[in-house]
């Protein structure tokens, strides 16, 4: 997975969590077409960025327990002379 694809997956994960409809870890990994191991790695990366990600067993969904926004801007300049 390249850098841009990874950023897109992290954005998708954050959006799914914020919507409050993730289901279990296995369900979420399946919906995102990834492995449970990759999903856990992404959770760790988001937590390292400051996201307080927790799981609500009653609602059966992950949620972010703080104000967390993932805003990524990528600019590519390919200037050939």
Protein backbone atom coordinates (compact mmCIF):
# COMPACT_ATOMS: atom_id res chain seq x y z
CA UNK A 1 0.00 0.00 0.00
CA UNK A 2 1.43 3.35 -0.97
CA UNK A 3 1.30 6.53 1.08
CA UNK A 4 -1.80 7.98 -0.59
CA UNK A 5 -3.75 4.73 -0.26
CA UNK A 6 -2.85 4.54 3.42
CA UNK A 7 -4.02 8.11 4.04
CA UNK A 8 -7.31 7.30 2.30
CA UNK A 9 -7.78 4.22 4.51
CA UNK A 10 -7.08 6.25 7.67
CA UNK A 11 -9.59 8.88 6.55
CA UNK A 12 -12.17 6.18 5.79
CA UNK A 13 -11.59 4.63 9.22
CA UNK A 14 -12.02 7.95 11.03
CA UNK A 15 -15.19 8.70 9.06
CA UNK A 16 -16.67 5.27 9.85
CA UNK A 17 -15.86 5.69 13.54
CA UNK A 18 -17.39 9.18 13.65
CA UNK A 19 -20.59 7.86 12.05
CA UNK A 20 -20.82 5.33 14.89
CA UNK A 21 -21.52 2.29 12.76
CA UNK A 22 -18.35 0.23 12.79
CA UNK A 23 -19.51 -3.03 14.30
CA UNK A 24 -16.89 -5.34 15.76
CA UNK A 25 -13.26 -5.31 14.78
CA UNK A 26 -13.76 -8.33 12.51
CA UNK A 27 -16.81 -6.75 10.83
CA UNK A 28 -14.99 -3.45 10.34
CA UNK A 29 -11.92 -5.13 8.84
CA UNK A 30 -14.14 -7.06 6.44
CA UNK A 31 -16.05 -3.92 5.37
CA UNK A 32 -12.78 -2.06 4.80
CA UNK A 33 -11.29 -4.99 2.84
CA UNK A 34 -8.33 -5.35 5.16
CA UNK A 35 -7.02 -7.65 7.85
CA UNK A 36 -7.61 -7.35 11.57
CA UNK A 37 -3.84 -6.86 11.96
CA UNK A 38 -3.81 -3.87 9.58
CA UNK A 39 -6.85 -2.41 11.32
CA UNK A 40 -5.11 -2.67 14.70
CA UNK A 41 -2.05 -0.97 13.23
CA UNK A 42 -4.22 1.89 11.94
CA UNK A 43 -5.87 2.22 15.36
CA UNK A 44 -2.39 2.52 16.92
CA UNK A 45 -1.34 5.14 14.37
CA UNK A 46 -4.47 7.20 14.99
CA UNK A 47 -3.97 6.91 18.75
CA UNK A 48 -0.38 8.09 18.29
CA UNK A 49 -1.84 11.14 16.52
CA UNK A 50 -4.04 11.85 19.54
CA UNK A 51 -7.31 10.02 18.81
CA UNK A 52 -8.86 8.45 21.89
CA UNK A 53 -10.46 5.45 20.19
CA UNK A 54 -12.61 3.21 22.36
CA UNK A 55 -15.21 0.49 21.83
CA UNK A 56 -18.78 0.69 23.12
CA UNK A 57 -19.99 -2.87 23.79
CA UNK A 58 -23.60 -1.81 24.18
CA UNK A 59 -23.74 0.09 20.87
CA UNK A 60 -21.30 -2.37 19.26
CA UNK A 61 -19.19 0.36 17.68
CA UNK A 62 -15.90 2.18 18.01
CA UNK A 63 -15.97 5.86 18.87
CA UNK A 64 -13.51 8.71 19.35
CA UNK A 65 -13.69 10.09 22.87
CA UNK A 66 -12.08 13.46 22.14
CA UNK A 67 -12.11 16.16 19.49
CA UNK A 68 -9.99 14.59 16.80
CA UNK A 69 -9.78 15.64 13.17
CA UNK A 70 -7.67 14.03 10.51
CA UNK A 71 -6.91 16.60 7.85
CA UNK A 72 -4.29 15.66 5.30
CA UNK A 73 -3.24 17.74 2.36
CA UNK A 74 -0.93 16.30 -0.24
CA UNK A 75 0.68 18.45 -2.90
CA UNK A 76 2.79 17.00 -5.65
CA UNK A 77 4.91 19.13 -7.91
CA UNK A 78 6.55 17.25 -10.71
CA UNK A 79 8.61 19.84 -12.50
CA UNK A 80 10.90 18.52 -15.22
CA UNK A 81 13.42 20.69 -16.94
